[in-house]
Amino acid sequence: MTKFKIKVGDTVKVIAGDNKGSEGKVLQILRDRNRAVVEGVNLVSKHTKPNAQNPQGGIVKKEASIHISNLGLVENGEAVRVGYKVEGDTKTRISKKTKNAI
């Protein structure tokens, strides 16, 4: 199982691909496929049949996953690389650019 420097709830910016420049909150991490689902990013149209929740059916916009390498953690409005700092028995994520804890 791989460890990622981005976690659920983080605000990230897309740094490569069709959605480059868009920001959103990480909703889900798919560890087995190295992908993440980000709120409002990489929207796809999904055709749905009528059901109890949606009796009309139709086309629904939904977030699709995006590869984790195309995401950068946002600090002060710009994407930064993430490192780790170990002090005693605590390990904290830090920004490589400003050296501040995230």
N, C-alpha and C. Protein backbone atom coordinates (compact mmCIF):
# COMPACT_ATOMS: atom_id res chain seq x y z
N MET A 1 0.84 -1.18 0.00
CA MET A 1 0.00 0.00 0.00
C MET A 1 0.88 1.25 0.00
N THR A 2 0.62 2.15 -0.93
CA THR A 2 1.45 3.33 -1.06
C THR A 2 0.97 4.44 -0.14
N LYS A 3 1.90 5.29 0.27
CA LYS A 3 1.59 6.43 1.13
C LYS A 3 1.66 7.68 0.30
N PHE A 4 0.64 8.52 0.42
CA PHE A 4 0.60 9.76 -0.33
C PHE A 4 0.76 10.95 0.60
N LYS A 5 1.27 12.04 0.05
CA LYS A 5 1.46 13.26 0.82
C LYS A 5 0.21 14.13 0.82
N ILE A 6 -0.81 13.68 0.09
CA ILE A 6 -2.10 14.37 0.04
C ILE A 6 -3.11 13.51 0.77
N LYS A 7 -3.94 14.15 1.62
CA LYS A 7 -4.91 13.41 2.41
C LYS A 7 -6.32 13.92 2.12
N VAL A 8 -7.31 13.14 2.54
CA VAL A 8 -8.71 13.54 2.38
C VAL A 8 -8.95 14.82 3.18
N GLY A 9 -9.61 15.79 2.55
CA GLY A 9 -9.90 17.06 3.22
C GLY A 9 -8.93 18.17 2.85
N ASP A 10 -7.79 17.83 2.25
CA ASP A 10 -6.83 18.84 1.83
C ASP A 10 -7.36 19.63 0.64
N THR A 11 -6.96 20.89 0.54
CA THR A 11 -7.26 21.67 -0.65
C THR A 11 -6.09 21.50 -1.60
N VAL A 12 -6.40 21.10 -2.84
CA VAL A 12 -5.35 20.84 -3.83
C VAL A 12 -5.61 21.63 -5.09
N LYS A 13 -4.55 21.79 -5.88
CA LYS A 13 -4.63 22.47 -7.17
C LYS A 13 -4.15 21.50 -8.23
N VAL A 14 -4.84 21.48 -9.37
CA VAL A 14 -4.43 20.61 -10.48
C VAL A 14 -3.27 21.29 -11.19
N ILE A 15 -2.13 20.60 -11.29
CA ILE A 15 -0.93 21.20 -11.87
C ILE A 15 -0.64 20.71 -13.28
N ALA A 16 -1.42 19.71 -13.76
CA ALA A 16 -1.22 19.20 -15.12
C ALA A 16 -2.51 18.58 -15.62
N GLY A 17 -2.69 18.59 -16.93
CA GLY A 17 -3.84 17.94 -17.53
C GLY A 17 -4.90 18.93 -17.98
N ASP A 18 -6.06 18.40 -18.38
CA ASP A 18 -7.14 19.22 -18.92
C ASP A 18 -7.70 20.21 -17.92
N ASN A 19 -7.69 19.88 -16.63
CA ASN A 19 -8.26 20.74 -15.60
C ASN A 19 -7.21 21.57 -14.88
N LYS A 20 -6.08 21.81 -15.53
CA LYS A 20 -4.97 22.54 -14.92
C LYS A 20 -5.42 23.90 -14.40
N GLY A 21 -5.03 24.20 -13.15
CA GLY A 21 -5.36 25.48 -12.55
C GLY A 21 -6.57 25.45 -11.63
N SER A 22 -7.41 24.42 -11.74
CA SER A 22 -8.60 24.38 -10.89
C SER A 22 -8.25 23.83 -9.51
N GLU A 23 -8.98 24.33 -8.50
CA GLU A 23 -8.75 23.93 -7.12
C GLU A 23 -9.99 23.26 -6.56
N GLY A 24 -9.78 22.44 -5.54
CA GLY A 24 -10.89 21.79 -4.87
C GLY A 24 -10.42 21.00 -3.67
N LYS A 25 -11.38 20.48 -2.94
CA LYS A 25 -11.10 19.69 -1.74
C LYS A 25 -11.08 18.21 -2.11
N VAL A 26 -10.14 17.46 -1.56
CA VAL A 26 -10.04 16.02 -1.83
C VAL A 26 -11.18 15.31 -1.09
N LEU A 27 -12.01 14.60 -1.85
CA LEU A 27 -13.15 13.88 -1.27
C LEU A 27 -12.80 12.43 -0.97
N GLN A 28 -11.91 11.84 -1.78
CA GLN A 28 -11.61 10.41 -1.65
C GLN A 28 -10.24 10.14 -2.26
N ILE A 29 -9.51 9.19 -1.67
CA ILE A 29 -8.23 8.74 -2.20
C ILE A 29 -8.39 7.27 -2.60
N LEU A 30 -8.02 6.95 -3.84
CA LEU A 30 -8.06 5.56 -4.32
C LEU A 30 -6.63 5.03 -4.35
N ARG A 31 -6.20 4.46 -3.24
CA ARG A 31 -4.80 4.05 -3.07
C ARG A 31 -4.37 2.98 -4.07
N ASP A 32 -5.23 2.04 -4.38
CA ASP A 32 -4.83 0.95 -5.27
C ASP A 32 -4.58 1.43 -6.69
N ARG A 33 -5.18 2.57 -7.09
CA ARG A 33 -5.00 3.07 -8.45
C ARG A 33 -4.22 4.39 -8.51
N ASN A 34 -3.69 4.87 -7.37
CA ASN A 34 -2.92 6.12 -7.29
C ASN A 34 -3.71 7.32 -7.79
N ARG A 35 -4.98 7.39 -7.42
CA ARG A 35 -5.85 8.45 -7.90
C ARG A 35 -6.62 9.08 -6.75
N ALA A 36 -7.15 10.28 -6.99
CA ALA A 36 -7.95 10.99 -5.99
C ALA A 36 -9.17 11.60 -6.66
N VAL A 37 -10.24 11.72 -5.90
CA VAL A 37 -11.45 12.40 -6.38
C VAL A 37 -11.46 13.77 -5.72
N VAL A 38 -11.52 14.82 -6.57
CA VAL A 38 -11.45 16.20 -6.08
C VAL A 38 -12.77 16.90 -6.41
N GLU A 39 -13.29 17.64 -5.43
CA GLU A 39 -14.57 18.32 -5.56
C GLU A 39 -14.54 19.35 -6.68
N GLY A 40 -15.44 19.19 -7.65
CA GLY A 40 -15.58 20.16 -8.74
C GLY A 40 -14.54 20.05 -9.84
N VAL A 41 -13.70 19.02 -9.81
CA VAL A 41 -12.64 18.86 -10.81
C VAL A 41 -12.87 17.57 -11.59
N ASN A 42 -12.58 17.59 -12.89
CA ASN A 42 -12.71 16.43 -13.77
C ASN A 42 -14.14 15.90 -13.79
N LEU A 43 -15.09 16.80 -14.07
CA LEU A 43 -16.49 16.42 -14.12
C LEU A 43 -16.80 15.64 -15.39
N VAL A 44 -17.53 14.55 -15.24
CA VAL A 44 -17.96 13.74 -16.37
C VAL A 44 -19.48 13.64 -16.35
N SER A 45 -20.08 13.42 -17.51
CA SER A 45 -21.52 13.25 -17.61
C SER A 45 -21.86 11.78 -17.49
N LYS A 46 -22.70 11.44 -16.52
CA LYS A 46 -23.09 10.05 -16.30
C LYS A 46 -24.58 9.93 -16.58
N HIS A 47 -24.92 8.99 -17.45
CA HIS A 47 -26.32 8.75 -17.79
C HIS A 47 -26.91 7.82 -16.74
N THR A 48 -28.01 8.25 -16.11
CA THR A 48 -28.60 7.44 -15.04
C THR A 48 -30.02 7.04 -15.40
N LYS A 49 -30.38 5.82 -15.01
CA LYS A 49 -31.74 5.33 -15.20
C LYS A 49 -32.63 5.92 -14.10
N PRO A 50 -33.91 6.02 -14.35
CA PRO A 50 -34.82 6.46 -13.27
C PRO A 50 -34.78 5.46 -12.11
N ASN A 51 -34.74 5.98 -10.88
CA ASN A 51 -34.79 5.13 -9.69
C ASN A 51 -35.55 5.87 -8.59
N ALA A 52 -35.57 5.32 -7.38
CA ALA A 52 -36.34 5.92 -6.29
C ALA A 52 -35.82 7.31 -5.92
N GLN A 53 -34.49 7.49 -5.89
CA GLN A 53 -33.92 8.78 -5.52
C GLN A 53 -34.09 9.80 -6.64
N ASN A 54 -33.99 9.33 -7.88
CA ASN A 54 -34.06 10.22 -9.04
C ASN A 54 -35.09 9.65 -10.02
N PRO A 55 -36.39 9.95 -9.80
CA PRO A 55 -37.42 9.33 -10.64
C PRO A 55 -37.37 9.77 -12.10
N GLN A 56 -36.78 10.93 -12.36
CA GLN A 56 -36.70 11.43 -13.72
C GLN A 56 -35.59 10.74 -14.52
N GLY A 57 -34.48 10.39 -13.85
CA GLY A 57 -33.32 9.85 -14.57
C GLY A 57 -32.62 10.98 -15.29
N GLY A 58 -31.83 10.68 -16.31
CA GLY A 58 -31.18 11.72 -17.11
C GLY A 58 -29.68 11.73 -16.97
N ILE A 59 -29.09 12.88 -17.31
CA ILE A 59 -27.64 13.03 -17.31
C ILE A 59 -27.22 13.79 -16.05
N VAL A 60 -26.28 13.21 -15.31
CA VAL A 60 -25.81 13.80 -14.05
C VAL A 60 -24.32 14.09 -14.18
N LYS A 61 -23.89 15.29 -13.76
CA LYS A 61 -22.45 15.62 -13.72
C LYS A 61 -21.87 15.07 -12.43
N LYS A 62 -20.74 14.38 -12.55
CA LYS A 62 -20.13 13.72 -11.40
C LYS A 62 -18.62 13.84 -11.50
N GLU A 63 -17.94 13.93 -10.34
CA GLU A 63 -16.48 14.01 -10.33
C GLU A 63 -15.87 12.65 -10.63
N ALA A 64 -14.91 12.62 -11.54
CA ALA A 64 -14.15 11.41 -11.81
C ALA A 64 -12.78 11.57 -11.14
N SER A 65 -12.08 10.46 -10.97
CA SER A 65 -10.79 10.51 -10.29
C SER A 65 -9.73 11.12 -11.20
N ILE A 66 -8.69 11.64 -10.58
CA ILE A 66 -7.56 12.25 -11.29
C ILE A 66 -6.29 11.69 -10.66
N HIS A 67 -5.26 11.51 -11.46
CA HIS A 67 -4.03 10.89 -10.94
C HIS A 67 -3.38 11.80 -9.90
N ILE A 68 -2.87 11.19 -8.85
CA ILE A 68 -2.34 11.94 -7.70
C ILE A 68 -1.12 12.78 -8.09
N SER A 69 -0.38 12.38 -9.13
CA SER A 69 0.80 13.13 -9.54
C SER A 69 0.43 14.46 -10.20
N ASN A 70 -0.83 14.62 -10.60
CA ASN A 70 -1.29 15.86 -11.22
C ASN A 70 -1.86 16.84 -10.21
N LEU A 71 -1.70 16.55 -8.92
CA LEU A 71 -2.23 17.41 -7.86
C LEU A 71 -1.11 17.97 -7.01
N GLY A 72 -1.29 19.21 -6.56
CA GLY A 72 -0.34 19.83 -5.65
C GLY A 72 -1.09 20.42 -4.48
N LEU A 73 -0.57 20.26 -3.28
CA LEU A 73 -1.20 20.79 -2.08
C LEU A 73 -1.14 22.32 -2.10
N VAL A 74 -2.23 22.98 -1.72
CA VAL A 74 -2.29 24.44 -1.78
C VAL A 74 -1.91 25.03 -0.44
N GLU A 75 -0.98 26.00 -0.49
CA GLU A 75 -0.62 26.80 0.69
C GLU A 75 -0.55 28.25 0.23
N ASN A 76 -1.35 29.10 0.84
CA ASN A 76 -1.41 30.53 0.49
C ASN A 76 -1.73 30.74 -0.99
N GLY A 77 -2.61 29.92 -1.55
CA GLY A 77 -3.07 30.12 -2.91
C GLY A 77 -2.22 29.51 -4.00
N GLU A 78 -1.09 28.91 -3.68
CA GLU A 78 -0.28 28.28 -4.72
C GLU A 78 0.11 26.86 -4.33
N ALA A 79 0.34 26.03 -5.35
CA ALA A 79 0.67 24.63 -5.12
C ALA A 79 2.11 24.51 -4.62
N VAL A 80 2.30 23.70 -3.59
CA VAL A 80 3.64 23.49 -3.03
C VAL A 80 3.93 22.00 -2.93
N ARG A 81 5.22 21.69 -2.92
CA ARG A 81 5.63 20.31 -2.68
C ARG A 81 5.64 20.06 -1.18
N VAL A 82 5.47 18.81 -0.79
CA VAL A 82 5.32 18.46 0.62
C VAL A 82 6.50 17.61 1.07
N GLY A 83 7.01 17.93 2.26
CA GLY A 83 8.05 17.14 2.89
C GLY A 83 7.61 16.81 4.30
N TYR A 84 8.46 16.11 5.02
CA TYR A 84 8.14 15.73 6.39
C TYR A 84 9.25 16.19 7.32
N LYS A 85 8.86 16.52 8.55
CA LYS A 85 9.81 16.91 9.58
C LYS A 85 9.48 16.10 10.83
N VAL A 86 10.48 15.42 11.37
CA VAL A 86 10.27 14.59 12.56
C VAL A 86 10.93 15.28 13.75
N GLU A 87 10.10 15.57 14.76
CA GLU A 87 10.60 16.16 16.01
C GLU A 87 10.18 15.25 17.15
N GLY A 88 11.13 14.57 17.75
CA GLY A 88 10.80 13.63 18.81
C GLY A 88 10.02 12.46 18.24
N ASP A 89 8.79 12.29 18.70
CA ASP A 89 7.97 11.19 18.19
C ASP A 89 6.82 11.69 17.32
N THR A 90 6.85 12.98 16.91
CA THR A 90 5.80 13.50 16.04
C THR A 90 6.36 13.79 14.65
N LYS A 91 5.56 13.43 13.64
CA LYS A 91 5.94 13.63 12.25
C LYS A 91 4.93 14.60 11.65
N THR A 92 5.40 15.74 11.12
CA THR A 92 4.49 16.74 10.56
C THR A 92 4.82 16.99 9.10
N ARG A 93 3.79 17.32 8.33
CA ARG A 93 4.00 17.70 6.93
C ARG A 93 4.42 19.16 6.88
N ILE A 94 5.41 19.44 6.03
CA ILE A 94 5.87 20.83 5.85
C ILE A 94 5.88 21.18 4.37
N SER A 95 5.81 22.47 4.11
CA SER A 95 5.93 22.97 2.75
C SER A 95 7.41 23.05 2.40
N LYS A 96 7.80 22.53 1.24
CA LYS A 96 9.21 22.58 0.84
C LYS A 96 9.61 24.01 0.49
N LYS A 97 8.64 24.84 0.09
CA LYS A 97 8.92 26.21 -0.33
C LYS A 97 9.16 27.12 0.88
N THR A 98 8.25 27.07 1.87
CA THR A 98 8.34 28.00 3.00
C THR A 98 8.83 27.35 4.29
N LYS A 99 8.94 26.03 4.30
CA LYS A 99 9.36 25.27 5.48
C LYS A 99 8.38 25.37 6.65
N ASN A 100 7.14 25.85 6.38
CA ASN A 100 6.11 25.96 7.42
C ASN A 100 5.33 24.66 7.50
N ALA A 101 4.81 24.37 8.69
CA ALA A 101 3.96 23.20 8.87
C ALA A 101 2.64 23.41 8.16
N ILE A 102 2.12 22.33 7.58
CA ILE A 102 0.85 22.42 6.86
C ILE A 102 -0.24 21.85 7.73
